[in-house]
PDB file of N, CA and C in Angstrom:
ATOM      1  N   UNK A   1     255.837 283.874 115.277  1.00  0.00           N
ATOM      2  CA  UNK A   1     255.414 282.444 114.747  1.00  0.00           C
ATOM      3  C   UNK A   1     255.870 281.571 116.101  1.00  0.00           C
ATOM      4  N   UNK A   2     257.206 281.822 116.455  1.00  0.00           N
ATOM      5  CA  UNK A   2     257.693 280.859 117.043  1.00  0.00           C
ATOM      6  C   UNK A   2     257.152 280.835 118.440  1.00  0.00           C
ATOM      7  N   UNK A   3     256.710 282.180 119.397  1.00  0.00           N
ATOM      8  CA  UNK A   3     255.667 281.802 120.509  1.00  0.00           C
ATOM      9  C   UNK A   3     254.445 281.431 119.815  1.00  0.00           C
ATOM     10  N   UNK A   4     253.743 281.744 118.890  1.00  0.00           N
ATOM     11  CA  UNK A   4     252.732 280.999 118.936  1.00  0.00           C
ATOM     12  C   UNK A   4     252.970 279.483 118.888  1.00  0.00           C
ATOM     13  N   UNK A   5     253.637 279.144 117.867  1.00  0.00           N
ATOM     14  CA  UNK A   5     253.844 277.514 118.113  1.00  0.00           C
ATOM     15  C   UNK A   5     253.922 276.522 119.523  1.00  0.00           C
ATOM     16  N   UNK A   6     255.000 277.667 120.162  1.00  0.00           N
ATOM     17  CA  UNK A   6     255.311 276.978 121.818  1.00  0.00           C
ATOM     18  C   UNK A   6     253.604 276.897 122.500  1.00  0.00           C
ATOM     19  N   UNK A   7     252.984 278.564 122.037  1.00  0.00           N
ATOM     20  CA  UNK A   7     251.443 277.965 122.544  1.00  0.00           C
ATOM     21  C   UNK A   7     250.654 276.825 122.438  1.00  0.00           C
ATOM     22  N   UNK A   8     250.591 276.669 121.245  1.00  0.00           N
ATOM     23  CA  UNK A   8     250.129 275.928 120.753  1.00  0.00           C
ATOM     24  C   UNK A   8     250.411 274.408 120.923  1.00  0.00           C
ATOM     25  N   UNK A   9     251.657 274.095 121.525  1.00  0.00           N
ATOM     26  CA  UNK A   9     252.520 273.010 122.109  1.00  0.00           C
ATOM     27  C   UNK A   9     252.385 272.698 123.181  1.00  0.00           C
ATOM     28  N   UNK A  10     252.168 274.042 123.555  1.00  0.00           N
ATOM     29  CA  UNK A  10     251.863 274.128 125.046  1.00  0.00           C
ATOM     30  C   UNK A  10     250.069 273.929 125.290  1.00  0.00           C
ATOM     31  N   UNK A  11     249.505 274.276 124.502  1.00  0.00           N
ATOM     32  CA  UNK A  11     248.038 274.289 124.704  1.00  0.00           C
ATOM     33  C   UNK A  11     247.551 272.568 124.241  1.00  0.00           C
ATOM     34  N   UNK A  12     248.833 272.128 123.229  1.00  0.00           N
ATOM     35  CA  UNK A  12     248.365 270.408 123.365  1.00  0.00           C
ATOM     36  C   UNK A  12     248.595 269.972 124.663  1.00  0.00           C
ATOM     37  N   UNK A  13     249.810 270.124 124.628  1.00  0.00           N
ATOM     38  CA  UNK A  13     250.174 269.574 126.390  1.00  0.00           C
ATOM     39  C   UNK A  13     248.952 269.996 127.283  1.00  0.00           C
ATOM     40  N   UNK A  14     248.343 270.955 127.312  1.00  0.00           N
ATOM     41  CA  UNK A  14     247.126 271.121 128.819  1.00  0.00           C
ATOM     42  C   UNK A  14     246.408 270.359 128.214  1.00  0.00           C
ATOM     43  N   UNK A  15     245.822 270.642 126.795  1.00  0.00           N
ATOM     44  CA  UNK A  15     244.567 269.695 126.659  1.00  0.00           C
ATOM     45  C   UNK A  15     244.931 268.110 127.091  1.00  0.00           C
ATOM     46  N   UNK A  16     245.993 267.429 126.546  1.00  0.00           N
ATOM     47  CA  UNK A  16     246.422 266.060 126.677  1.00  0.00           C
ATOM     48  C   UNK A  16     246.226 265.864 128.237  1.00  0.00           C
ATOM     49  N   UNK A  17     247.248 266.832 129.053  1.00  0.00           N
ATOM     50  CA  UNK A  17     246.992 266.592 130.345  1.00  0.00           C
ATOM     51  C   UNK A  17     245.757 266.683 130.793  1.00  0.00           C
ATOM     52  N   UNK A  18     244.835 267.342 130.108  1.00  0.00           N
ATOM     53  CA  UNK A  18     243.324 267.542 130.515  1.00  0.00           C
ATOM     54  C   UNK A  18     242.759 266.364 130.165  1.00  0.00           C
ATOM     55  N   UNK A  19     242.978 265.756 129.152  1.00  0.00           N
ATOM     56  CA  UNK A  19     242.343 264.724 128.715  1.00  0.00           C
ATOM     57  C   UNK A  19     242.715 263.358 129.682  1.00  0.00           C
ATOM     58  N   UNK A  20     244.263 263.438 130.308  1.00  0.00           N
ATOM     59  CA  UNK A  20     244.699 262.247 131.601  1.00  0.00           C
ATOM     60  C   UNK A  20     243.714 262.384 132.254  1.00  0.00           C
ATOM     61  N   UNK A  21     243.560 263.575 132.896  1.00  0.00           N
ATOM     62  CA  UNK A  21     242.828 263.761 134.074  1.00  0.00           C
ATOM     63  C   UNK A  21     241.442 263.623 134.099  1.00  0.00           C
ATOM     64  N   UNK A  22     240.822 263.684 132.520  1.00  0.00           N
ATOM     65  CA  UNK A  22     239.462 263.319 132.556  1.00  0.00           C
ATOM     66  C   UNK A  22     239.230 262.199 132.739  1.00  0.00           C
ATOM     67  N   UNK A  23     240.177 261.022 131.776  1.00  0.00           N
ATOM     68  CA  UNK A  23     240.007 259.925 132.104  1.00  0.00           C
ATOM     69  C   UNK A  23     240.353 259.315 133.331  1.00  0.00           C
ATOM     70  N   UNK A  24     241.164 259.822 134.194  1.00  0.00           N
ATOM     71  CA  UNK A  24     241.238 259.780 135.407  1.00  0.00           C
ATOM     72  C   UNK A  24     240.510 259.426 136.531  1.00  0.00           C
ATOM     73  N   UNK A  25     239.430 261.026 136.092  1.00  0.00           N
ATOM     74  CA  UNK A  25     238.540 260.747 137.034  1.00  0.00           C
ATOM     75  C   UNK A  25     237.346 260.423 136.161  1.00  0.00           C
ATOM     76  N   UNK A  26     237.203 260.044 135.032  1.00  0.00           N
ATOM     77  CA  UNK A  26     236.199 258.989 134.427  1.00  0.00           C
ATOM     78  C   UNK A  26     236.412 257.790 135.212  1.00  0.00           C
ATOM     79  N   UNK A  27     237.362 257.306 135.350  1.00  0.00           N
ATOM     80  CA  UNK A  27     237.836 255.810 136.370  1.00  0.00           C
ATOM     81  C   UNK A  27     237.295 256.379 137.686  1.00  0.00           C
ATOM     82  N   UNK A  28     237.780 257.302 138.370  1.00  0.00           N
ATOM     83  CA  UNK A  28     237.490 257.414 139.553  1.00  0.00           C
ATOM     84  C   UNK A  28     236.004 257.636 140.163  1.00  0.00           C
ATOM     85  N   UNK A  29     235.242 258.023 138.909  1.00  0.00           N
ATOM     86  CA  UNK A  29     233.840 257.954 138.861  1.00  0.00           C
ATOM     87  C   UNK A  29     233.166 256.889 138.306  1.00  0.00           C
ATOM     88  N   UNK A  30     233.572 256.115 137.850  1.00  0.00           N
ATOM     89  CA  UNK A  30     233.229 254.916 137.380  1.00  0.00           C
ATOM     90  C   UNK A  30     233.297 253.687 138.944  1.00  0.00           C
ATOM     91  N   UNK A  31     234.442 253.813 139.640  1.00  0.00           N
ATOM     92  CA  UNK A  31     235.053 252.962 140.750  1.00  0.00           C
ATOM     93  C   UNK A  31     233.911 253.485 141.941  1.00  0.00           C
ATOM     94  N   UNK A  32     233.348 254.932 142.141  1.00  0.00           N
ATOM     95  CA  UNK A  32     232.638 255.705 142.753  1.00  0.00           C
ATOM     96  C   UNK A  32     230.798 254.879 142.528  1.00  0.00           C
ATOM     97  N   UNK A  33     230.643 254.945 141.157  1.00  0.00           N
ATOM     98  CA  UNK A  33     229.157 254.487 140.816  1.00  0.00           C
ATOM     99  C   UNK A  33     229.067 252.944 141.338  1.00  0.00           C
ATOM    100  N   UNK A  34     230.398 252.198 140.815  1.00  0.00           N
ATOM    101  CA  UNK A  34     230.257 250.341 141.300  1.00  0.00           C
ATOM    102  C   UNK A  34     230.058 250.548 142.409  1.00  0.00           C
ATOM    103  N   UNK A  35     230.628 251.616 143.554  1.00  0.00           N
ATOM    104  CA  UNK A  35     231.131 251.562 144.883  1.00  0.00           C
ATOM    105  C   UNK A  35     229.184 251.797 145.243  1.00  0.00           C
ATOM    106  N   UNK A  36     228.768 253.206 144.505  1.00  0.00           N
ATOM    107  CA  UNK A  36     227.529 253.064 145.259  1.00  0.00           C
ATOM    108  C   UNK A  36     226.523 251.961 144.677  1.00  0.00           C
ATOM    109  N   UNK A  37     226.422 251.356 143.832  1.00  0.00           N
ATOM    110  CA  UNK A  37     225.695 250.586 143.482  1.00  0.00           C
ATOM    111  C   UNK A  37     225.599 249.090 144.473  1.00  0.00           C
ATOM    112  N   UNK A  38     226.728 249.086 144.597  1.00  0.00           N
ATOM    113  CA  UNK A  38     227.508 247.560 145.800  1.00  0.00           C
ATOM    114  C   UNK A  38     226.749 248.491 147.229  1.00  0.00           C
ATOM    115  N   UNK A  39     226.764 249.440 147.379  1.00  0.00           N
ATOM    116  CA  UNK A  39     226.200 249.909 148.267  1.00  0.00           C
ATOM    117  C   UNK A  39     224.657 249.881 148.373  1.00  0.00           C
ATOM    118  N   UNK A  40     224.002 250.267 147.576  1.00  0.00           N
ATOM    119  CA  UNK A  40     222.846 250.587 147.829  1.00  0.00           C
ATOM    120  C   UNK A  40     222.254 249.121 147.343  1.00  0.00           C
ATOM    121  N   UNK A  41     222.916 248.331 147.155  1.00  0.00           N
ATOM    122  CA  UNK A  41     222.420 246.688 147.176  1.00  0.00           C
ATOM    123  C   UNK A  41     222.644 245.924 148.656  1.00  0.00           C
ATOM    124  N   UNK A  42     224.041 246.252 148.858  1.00  0.00           N
ATOM    125  CA  UNK A  42     223.970 245.694 150.334  1.00  0.00           C
ATOM    126  C   UNK A  42     223.141 246.237 151.507  1.00  0.00           C
ATOM    127  N   UNK A  43     222.898 247.481 151.063  1.00  0.00           N
ATOM    128  CA  UNK A  43     221.718 248.563 152.203  1.00  0.00           C
ATOM    129  C   UNK A  43     219.994 247.607 151.696  1.00  0.00           C
ATOM    130  N   UNK A  44     219.892 247.349 150.374  1.00  0.00           N
ATOM    131  CA  UNK A  44     218.521 247.278 150.259  1.00  0.00           C
ATOM    132  C   UNK A  44     218.383 245.690 150.686  1.00  0.00           C
ATOM    133  N   UNK A  45     219.897 245.029 150.971  1.00  0.00           N
ATOM    134  CA  UNK A  45     219.426 243.389 151.019  1.00  0.00           C
ATOM    135  C   UNK A  45     219.559 243.479 152.930  1.00  0.00           C
ATOM    136  N   UNK A  46     219.961 244.638 153.365  1.00  0.00           N
ATOM    137  CA  UNK A  46     219.841 244.765 154.719  1.00  0.00           C
ATOM    138  C   UNK A  46     218.546 244.815 155.299  1.00  0.00           C
ATOM    139  N   UNK A  47     217.875 245.498 154.534  1.00  0.00           N
ATOM    140  CA  UNK A  47     216.350 246.582 154.519  1.00  0.00           C
ATOM    141  C   UNK A  47     215.696 245.213 154.410  1.00  0.00           C
ATOM    142  N   UNK A  48     215.874 244.482 153.364  1.00  0.00           N
ATOM    143  CA  UNK A  48     215.142 243.148 153.509  1.00  0.00           C
ATOM    144  C   UNK A  48     215.218 242.296 154.631  1.00  0.00           C
ATOM    145  N   UNK A  49     216.796 242.141 155.324  1.00  0.00           N
ATOM    146  CA  UNK A  49     216.379 241.194 156.360  1.00  0.00           C
ATOM    147  C   UNK A  49     215.988 241.959 157.374  1.00  0.00           C
ATOM    148  N   UNK A  50     215.570 243.048 157.483  1.00  0.00           N
ATOM    149  CA  UNK A  50     214.970 243.835 158.329  1.00  0.00           C
ATOM    150  C   UNK A  50     213.503 243.602 158.516  1.00  0.00           C
ATOM    151  N   UNK A  51     213.253 243.915 157.551  1.00  0.00           N
ATOM    152  CA  UNK A  51     211.894 243.651 156.865  1.00  0.00           C
ATOM    153  C   UNK A  51     211.063 241.925 157.041  1.00  0.00           C
ATOM    154  N   UNK A  52     212.089 241.050 157.150  1.00  0.00           N
ATOM    155  CA  UNK A  52     211.944 239.850 157.489  1.00  0.00           C
ATOM    156  C   UNK A  52     211.782 239.234 158.699  1.00  0.00           C
ATOM    157  N   UNK A  53     212.946 240.373 158.999  1.00  0.00           N
ATOM    158  CA  UNK A  53     212.732 239.948 161.125  1.00  0.00           C
ATOM    159  C   UNK A  53     211.521 240.577 161.735  1.00  0.00           C
ATOM    160  N   UNK A  54     210.805 242.020 161.166  1.00  0.00           N
ATOM    161  CA  UNK A  54     209.933 242.589 161.498  1.00  0.00           C
ATOM    162  C   UNK A  54     208.664 241.656 161.133  1.00  0.00           C
ATOM    163  N   UNK A  55     208.696 241.271 160.355  1.00  0.00           N
ATOM    164  CA  UNK A  55     207.661 240.354 159.931  1.00  0.00           C
ATOM    165  C   UNK A  55     207.745 238.937 161.079  1.00  0.00           C
ATOM    166  N   UNK A  56     209.031 238.465 161.367  1.00  0.00           N
ATOM    167  CA  UNK A  56     208.829 237.051 162.139  1.00  0.00           C
ATOM    168  C   UNK A  56     208.688 237.568 163.706  1.00  0.00           C
ATOM    169  N   UNK A  57     208.951 238.799 164.148  1.00  0.00           N
ATOM    170  CA  UNK A  57     208.853 239.565 165.441  1.00  0.00           C
ATOM    171  C   UNK A  57     206.789 239.244 165.104  1.00  0.00           C
ATOM    172  N   UNK A  58     206.636 239.975 164.250  1.00  0.00           N
ATOM    173  CA  UNK A  58     205.297 240.531 164.150  1.00  0.00           C
ATOM    174  C   UNK A  58     204.680 239.275 164.494  1.00  0.00           C
ATOM    175  N   UNK A  59     204.920 237.924 164.097  1.00  0.00           N
ATOM    176  CA  UNK A  59     204.079 236.665 163.938  1.00  0.00           C
ATOM    177  C   UNK A  59     204.087 236.290 165.355  1.00  0.00           C
ATOM    178  N   UNK A  60     205.369 236.040 165.795  1.00  0.00           N
ATOM    179  CA  UNK A  60     205.778 236.088 167.007  1.00  0.00           C
ATOM    180  C   UNK A  60     204.790 236.251 168.262  1.00  0.00           C
ATOM    181  N   UNK A  61     204.456 237.965 168.327  1.00  0.00           N
ATOM    182  CA  UNK A  61     203.815 238.939 168.987  1.00  0.00           C
ATOM    183  C   UNK A  61     201.999 238.612 168.646  1.00  0.00           C
ATOM    184  N   UNK A  62     202.024 237.977 167.636  1.00  0.00           N
ATOM    185  CA  UNK A  62     200.791 237.851 167.721  1.00  0.00           C
ATOM    186  C   UNK A  62     200.084 236.359 168.223  1.00  0.00           C
ATOM    187  N   UNK A  63     201.242 235.497 168.016  1.00  0.00           N
ATOM    188  CA  UNK A  63     201.678 234.076 168.533  1.00  0.00           C
ATOM    189  C   UNK A  63     201.074 234.339 169.973  1.00  0.00           C
ATOM    190  N   UNK A  64     202.291 235.187 170.603  1.00  0.00           N
ATOM    191  CA  UNK A  64     202.365 235.787 171.630  1.00  0.00           C
ATOM    192  C   UNK A  64     200.960 236.245 172.691  1.00  0.00           C
ATOM    193  N   UNK A  65     200.170 236.919 171.666  1.00  0.00           N
ATOM    194  CA  UNK A  65     198.834 237.576 172.322  1.00  0.00           C
ATOM    195  C   UNK A  65     197.954 236.472 172.197  1.00  0.00           C
ATOM    196  N   UNK A  66     198.067 235.626 171.163  1.00  0.00           N
ATOM    197  CA  UNK A  66     196.786 234.407 171.329  1.00  0.00           C
ATOM    198  C   UNK A  66     196.950 233.553 172.619  1.00  0.00           C
ATOM    199  N   UNK A  67     198.682 233.396 173.095  1.00  0.00           N
ATOM    200  CA  UNK A  67     198.902 232.640 174.389  1.00  0.00           C
ATOM    201  C   UNK A  67     198.239 233.432 175.509  1.00  0.00           C
ATOM    202  N   UNK A  68     198.399 234.486 175.689  1.00  0.00           N
ATOM    203  CA  UNK A  68     198.038 235.078 176.242  1.00  0.00           C
ATOM    204  C   UNK A  68     196.426 235.542 176.598  1.00  0.00           C
ATOM    205  N   UNK A  69     195.602 235.685 175.980  1.00  0.00           N
ATOM    206  CA  UNK A  69     194.467 235.257 175.745  1.00  0.00           C
ATOM    207  C   UNK A  69     194.011 234.219 175.813  1.00  0.00           C
ATOM    208  N   UNK A  70     194.624 233.004 175.423  1.00  0.00           N
ATOM    209  CA  UNK A  70     194.433 231.328 176.231  1.00  0.00           C
ATOM    210  C   UNK A  70     194.684 231.488 177.487  1.00  0.00           C
ATOM    211  N   UNK A  71     196.020 232.103 178.297  1.00  0.00           N
ATOM    212  CA  UNK A  71     195.741 232.012 179.495  1.00  0.00           C
ATOM    213  C   UNK A  71     194.918 232.567 179.837  1.00  0.00           C
ATOM    214  N   UNK A  72     194.835 233.998 179.694  1.00  0.00           N
ATOM    215  CA  UNK A  72     193.951 235.022 180.877  1.00  0.00           C
ATOM    216  C   UNK A  72     192.340 233.666 180.247  1.00  0.00           C
ATOM    217  N   UNK A  73     191.876 233.159 179.827  1.00  0.00           N
ATOM    218  CA  UNK A  73     190.673 232.309 179.693  1.00  0.00           C
ATOM    219  C   UNK A  73     190.962 231.288 180.562  1.00  0.00           C
ATOM    220  N   UNK A  74     191.817 230.210 180.477  1.00  0.00           N
ATOM    221  CA  UNK A  74     192.175 229.546 181.401  1.00  0.00           C
ATOM    222  C   UNK A  74     192.167 229.820 183.106  1.00  0.00           C
ATOM    223  N   UNK A  75     192.393 231.169 182.982  1.00  0.00           N
ATOM    224  CA  UNK A  75     192.644 231.717 184.524  1.00  0.00           C
ATOM    225  C   UNK A  75     191.263 231.933 185.060  1.00  0.00           C
ATOM    226  N   UNK A  76     190.406 232.892 184.075  1.00  0.00           N
ATOM    227  CA  UNK A  76     189.781 232.887 184.347  1.00  0.00           C
ATOM    228  C   UNK A  76     188.504 231.692 184.684  1.00  0.00           C
ATOM    229  N   UNK A  77     188.748 230.492 183.962  1.00  0.00           N
ATOM    230  CA  UNK A  77     187.823 228.744 184.450  1.00  0.00           C
ATOM    231  C   UNK A  77     188.316 228.890 185.569  1.00  0.00           C
ATOM    232  N   UNK A  78     189.412 228.966 185.970  1.00  0.00           N
ATOM    233  CA  UNK A  78     190.210 228.319 187.054  1.00  0.00           C
ATOM    234  C   UNK A  78     189.578 229.593 188.357  1.00  0.00           C
ATOM    235  N   UNK A  79     189.817 230.445 188.237  1.00  0.00           N
ATOM    236  CA  UNK A  79     188.942 231.072 189.450  1.00  0.00           C
ATOM    237  C   UNK A  79     187.844 230.953 189.091  1.00  0.00           C
ATOM    238  N   UNK A  80     186.874 230.667 188.552  1.00  0.00           N
ATOM    239  CA  UNK A  80     185.195 230.500 188.341  1.00  0.00           C
ATOM    240  C   UNK A  80     185.190 228.819 189.477  1.00  0.00           C
ATOM    241  N   UNK A  81     186.185 227.646 189.096  1.00  0.00           N
ATOM    242  CA  UNK A  81     186.620 226.824 189.855  1.00  0.00           C
ATOM    243  C   UNK A  81     187.302 226.686 191.177  1.00  0.00           C
ATOM    244  N   UNK A  82     187.412 227.868 191.249  1.00  0.00           N
ATOM    245  CA  UNK A  82     188.437 228.054 192.785  1.00  0.00           C
ATOM    246  C   UNK A  82     186.738 228.508 193.958  1.00  0.00           C
ATOM    247  N   UNK A  83     185.933 229.543 192.932  1.00  0.00           N
ATOM    248  CA  UNK A  83     185.003 230.384 193.600  1.00  0.00           C
ATOM    249  C   UNK A  83     184.089 228.773 193.641  1.00  0.00           C
ATOM    250  N   UNK A  84     183.546 228.373 192.938  1.00  0.00           N
ATOM    251  CA  UNK A  84     182.517 227.176 193.091  1.00  0.00           C
ATOM    252  C   UNK A  84     183.211 226.025 194.193  1.00  0.00           C
ATOM    253  N   UNK A  85     184.860 225.634 194.524  1.00  0.00           N
ATOM    254  CA  UNK A  85     185.387 225.282 195.461  1.00  0.00           C
ATOM    255  C   UNK A  85     184.829 225.482 196.860  1.00  0.00           C
ATOM    256  N   UNK A  86     185.296 227.210 196.642  1.00  0.00           N
ATOM    257  CA  UNK A  86     184.835 227.450 198.361  1.00  0.00           C
ATOM    258  C   UNK A  86     183.533 227.443 198.510  1.00  0.00           C
ATOM    259  N   UNK A  87     182.243 227.631 197.569  1.00  0.00           N
ATOM    260  CA  UNK A  87     180.986 227.468 198.066  1.00  0.00           C
ATOM    261  C   UNK A  87     180.778 225.881 198.503  1.00  0.00           C
ATOM    262  N   UNK A  88     181.679 224.955 197.699  1.00  0.00           N
ATOM    263  CA  UNK A  88     181.440 223.766 198.291  1.00  0.00           C
ATOM    264  C   UNK A  88     181.775 223.481 199.649  1.00  0.00           C
ATOM    265  N   UNK A  89     183.010 224.094 199.889  1.00  0.00           N
ATOM    266  CA  UNK A  89     183.462 223.779 201.193  1.00  0.00           C
ATOM    267  C   UNK A  89     183.235 224.646 202.352  1.00  0.00           C
ATOM    268  N   UNK A  90     182.716 225.866 201.921  1.00  0.00           N
ATOM    269  CA  UNK A  90     181.695 226.154 202.722  1.00  0.00           C
ATOM    270  C   UNK A  90     180.356 225.338 203.070  1.00  0.00           C
ATOM    271  N   UNK A  91     179.685 225.362 202.406  1.00  0.00           N
ATOM    272  CA  UNK A  91     178.768 223.686 202.155  1.00  0.00           C
ATOM    273  C   UNK A  91     179.045 223.029 203.607  1.00  0.00           C
ATOM    274  N   UNK A  92     180.113 222.483 202.876  1.00  0.00           N
ATOM    275  CA  UNK A  92     180.640 221.059 203.713  1.00  0.00           C
ATOM    276  C   UNK A  92     181.566 221.747 205.025  1.00  0.00           C
ATOM    277  N   UNK A  93     181.460 222.944 205.213  1.00  0.00           N
ATOM    278  CA  UNK A  93     181.483 223.093 206.845  1.00  0.00           C
ATOM    279  C   UNK A  93     180.300 223.432 207.845  1.00  0.00           C
ATOM    280  N   UNK A  94     179.237 224.280 206.939  1.00  0.00           N
ATOM    281  CA  UNK A  94     178.184 223.719 207.400  1.00  0.00           C
ATOM    282  C   UNK A  94     177.671 222.507 207.710  1.00  0.00           C
ATOM    283  N   UNK A  95     177.747 221.553 206.728  1.00  0.00           N
ATOM    284  CA  UNK A  95     177.113 220.292 207.018  1.00  0.00           C
ATOM    285  C   UNK A  95     177.724 219.730 208.046  1.00  0.00           C
ATOM    286  N   UNK A  96     179.593 220.041 207.856  1.00  0.00           N
ATOM    287  CA  UNK A  96     180.111 219.275 209.111  1.00  0.00           C
ATOM    288  C   UNK A  96     179.787 219.809 210.626  1.00  0.00           C
ATOM    289  N   UNK A  97     179.299 220.910 210.781  1.00  0.00           N
ATOM    290  CA  UNK A  97     178.875 221.735 212.159  1.00  0.00           C
ATOM    291  C   UNK A  97     177.599 221.110 212.561  1.00  0.00           C
ATOM    292  N   UNK A  98     176.625 220.568 211.460  1.00  0.00           N
ATOM    293  CA  UNK A  98     175.056 220.357 211.292  1.00  0.00           C
ATOM    294  C   UNK A  98     175.744 218.797 211.995  1.00  0.00           C
ATOM    295  N   UNK A  99     176.164 218.300 211.595  1.00  0.00           N
ATOM    296  CA  UNK A  99     176.928 216.778 211.774  1.00  0.00           C
ATOM    297  C   UNK A  99     177.533 216.594 213.085  1.00  0.00           C
ATOM    298  N   UNK A 100     178.188 217.540 213.302  1.00  0.00           N
ATOM    299  CA  UNK A 100     178.751 217.444 214.903  1.00  0.00           C
ATOM    300  C   UNK A 100     177.970 217.962 216.071  1.00  0.00           C
ATOM    301  N   UNK A 101     176.579 218.618 215.993  1.00  0.00           N
ATOM    302  CA  UNK A 101     175.904 218.982 216.223  1.00  0.00           C
ATOM    303  C   UNK A 101     175.075 217.897 216.494  1.00  0.00           C
ATOM    304  N   UNK A 102     174.746 217.056 215.510  1.00  0.00           N
ATOM    305  CA  UNK A 102     173.563 216.056 215.561  1.00  0.00           C
ATOM    306  C   UNK A 102     174.748 214.897 216.770  1.00  0.00           C
ATOM    307  N   UNK A 103     175.908 215.085 216.397  1.00  0.00           N
ATOM    308  CA  UNK A 103     176.910 213.857 216.909  1.00  0.00           C
ATOM    309  C   UNK A 103     176.392 213.618 218.608  1.00  0.00           C
ATOM    310  N   UNK A 104     176.785 215.061 218.986  1.00  0.00           N
ATOM    311  CA  UNK A 104     176.352 215.529 220.327  1.00  0.00           C
ATOM    312  C   UNK A 104     175.375 215.394 220.990  1.00  0.00           C
ATOM    313  N   UNK A 105     173.962 215.504 220.404  1.00  0.00           N
ATOM    314  CA  UNK A 105     172.640 215.215 220.580  1.00  0.00           C
ATOM    315  C   UNK A 105     172.558 213.436 221.099  1.00  0.00           C
ATOM    316  N   UNK A 106     172.894 213.023 219.408  1.00  0.00           N
ATOM    317  CA  UNK A 106     173.200 211.634 219.532  1.00  0.00           C
ATOM    318  C   UNK A 106     174.013 211.033 221.112  1.00  0.00           C
ATOM    319  N   UNK A 107     175.059 211.719 221.401  1.00  0.00           N
ATOM    320  CA  UNK A 107     175.796 211.130 222.161  1.00  0.00           C
ATOM    321  C   UNK A 107     175.240 211.441 223.851  1.00  0.00           C
ATOM    322  N   UNK A 108     174.853 212.235 223.619  1.00  0.00           N
ATOM    323  CA  UNK A 108     173.741 212.379 225.120  1.00  0.00           C
ATOM    324  C   UNK A 108     172.528 211.665 224.749  1.00  0.00           C
ATOM    325  N   UNK A 109     171.829 211.506 223.872  1.00  0.00           N
ATOM    326  CA  UNK A 109     170.255 210.085 223.686  1.00  0.00           C
ATOM    327  C   UNK A 109     171.565 208.704 224.076  1.00  0.00           C
ATOM    328  N   UNK A 110     172.535 208.776 223.637  1.00  0.00           N
ATOM    329  CA  UNK A 110     172.303 207.255 223.714  1.00  0.00           C
ATOM    330  C   UNK A 110     173.069 206.949 225.173  1.00  0.00           C
ATOM    331  N   UNK A 111     173.677 208.172 225.844  1.00  0.00           N
ATOM    332  CA  UNK A 111     174.182 208.078 227.177  1.00  0.00           C
ATOM    333  C   UNK A 111     173.246 208.312 227.937  1.00  0.00           C
ATOM    334  N   UNK A 112     172.031 208.610 227.810  1.00  0.00           N
ATOM    335  CA  UNK A 112     170.779 208.409 228.758  1.00  0.00           C
ATOM    336  C   UNK A 112     170.375 206.859 228.648  1.00  0.00           C
ATOM    337  N   UNK A 113     170.552 206.329 227.362  1.00  0.00           N
ATOM    338  CA  UNK A 113     170.094 205.124 227.500  1.00  0.00           C
ATOM    339  C   UNK A 113     171.023 204.023 227.863  1.00  0.00           C
ATOM    340  N   UNK A 114     172.202 204.044 228.271  1.00  0.00           N
ATOM    341  CA  UNK A 114     173.470 203.347 228.755  1.00  0.00           C
ATOM    342  C   UNK A 114     173.109 203.457 230.219  1.00  0.00           C
ATOM    343  N   UNK A 115     172.667 204.741 230.719  1.00  0.00           N
ATOM    344  CA  UNK A 115     172.510 204.779 232.277  1.00  0.00           C
ATOM    345  C   UNK A 115     171.247 205.156 232.365  1.00  0.00           C
ATOM    346  N   UNK A 116     170.313 204.190 232.559  1.00  0.00           N
ATOM    347  CA  UNK A 116     168.501 204.753 232.560  1.00  0.00           C
ATOM    348  C   UNK A 116     168.814 205.408 234.300  1.00  0.00           C
ATOM    349  N   UNK A 117     169.514 204.935 235.017  1.00  0.00           N
ATOM    350  CA  UNK A 117     169.259 205.407 236.219  1.00  0.00           C
ATOM    351  C   UNK A 117     169.477 206.806 236.336  1.00  0.00           C
ATOM    352  N   UNK A 118     169.912 207.577 235.436  1.00  0.00           N
ATOM    353  CA  UNK A 118     170.116 208.716 235.242  1.00  0.00           C
ATOM    354  C   UNK A 118     168.385 209.614 235.076  1.00  0.00           C
ATOM    355  N   UNK A 119     167.939 208.763 234.095  1.00  0.00           N
ATOM    356  CA  UNK A 119     166.404 209.388 233.733  1.00  0.00           C
ATOM    357  C   UNK A 119     165.643 209.587 234.922  1.00  0.00           C
ATOM    358  N   UNK A 120     165.858 207.829 235.442  1.00  0.00           N
ATOM    359  CA  UNK A 120     165.112 207.693 236.862  1.00  0.00           C
ATOM    360  C   UNK A 120     165.215 208.946 237.700  1.00  0.00           C
ATOM    361  N   UNK A 121     166.477 208.700 238.480  1.00  0.00           N
ATOM    362  CA  UNK A 121     167.287 209.767 239.496  1.00  0.00           C
ATOM    363  C   UNK A 121     168.023 210.813 238.817  1.00  0.00           C
ATOM    364  N   UNK A 122     167.485 212.095 237.877  1.00  0.00           N
ATOM    365  CA  UNK A 122     168.358 213.287 237.608  1.00  0.00           C
ATOM    366  C   UNK A 122     169.103 213.387 238.668  1.00  0.00           C
ATOM    367  N   UNK A 123     168.737 213.808 239.972  1.00  0.00           N
ATOM    368  CA  UNK A 123     169.385 214.398 240.990  1.00  0.00           C
ATOM    369  C   UNK A 123     170.970 213.775 241.266  1.00  0.00           C
ATOM    370  N   UNK A 124     171.358 212.228 240.841  1.00  0.00           N
ATOM    371  CA  UNK A 124     172.353 211.536 240.736  1.00  0.00           C
ATOM    372  C   UNK A 124     173.320 212.072 240.127  1.00  0.00           C
ATOM    373  N   UNK A 125     172.740 212.623 239.552  1.00  0.00           N
ATOM    374  CA  UNK A 125     174.435 213.013 238.348  1.00  0.00           C
ATOM    375  C   UNK A 125     175.366 213.661 238.754  1.00  0.00           C
TER     376      UNK A 125
END
């Protein structure tokens, strides 16, 4: 009976020790659960920030694409204007050449009239 009493006392102590350990474990699990909730909230906030940053970056890329499209349009217009200017300069160069030829002929004609002896006596030149 004494051994049985000792066994019951020992079992009571073991159950009490197990209860203390389980309470401690429950406290640790509560701390872990709180830490997990805080971690998930922090991760959720971080993901929300990443989503906002991605949205901002996407908008910036859309704006950059529109700007590049506008730049492309301006470059096309500039190329067209340069082509027109090249054509005009080509025509102007031809006109200048014609004018130089006309001026040369005029100089020859004016020279003939200012020195009539050249017309009358061509061998005196």
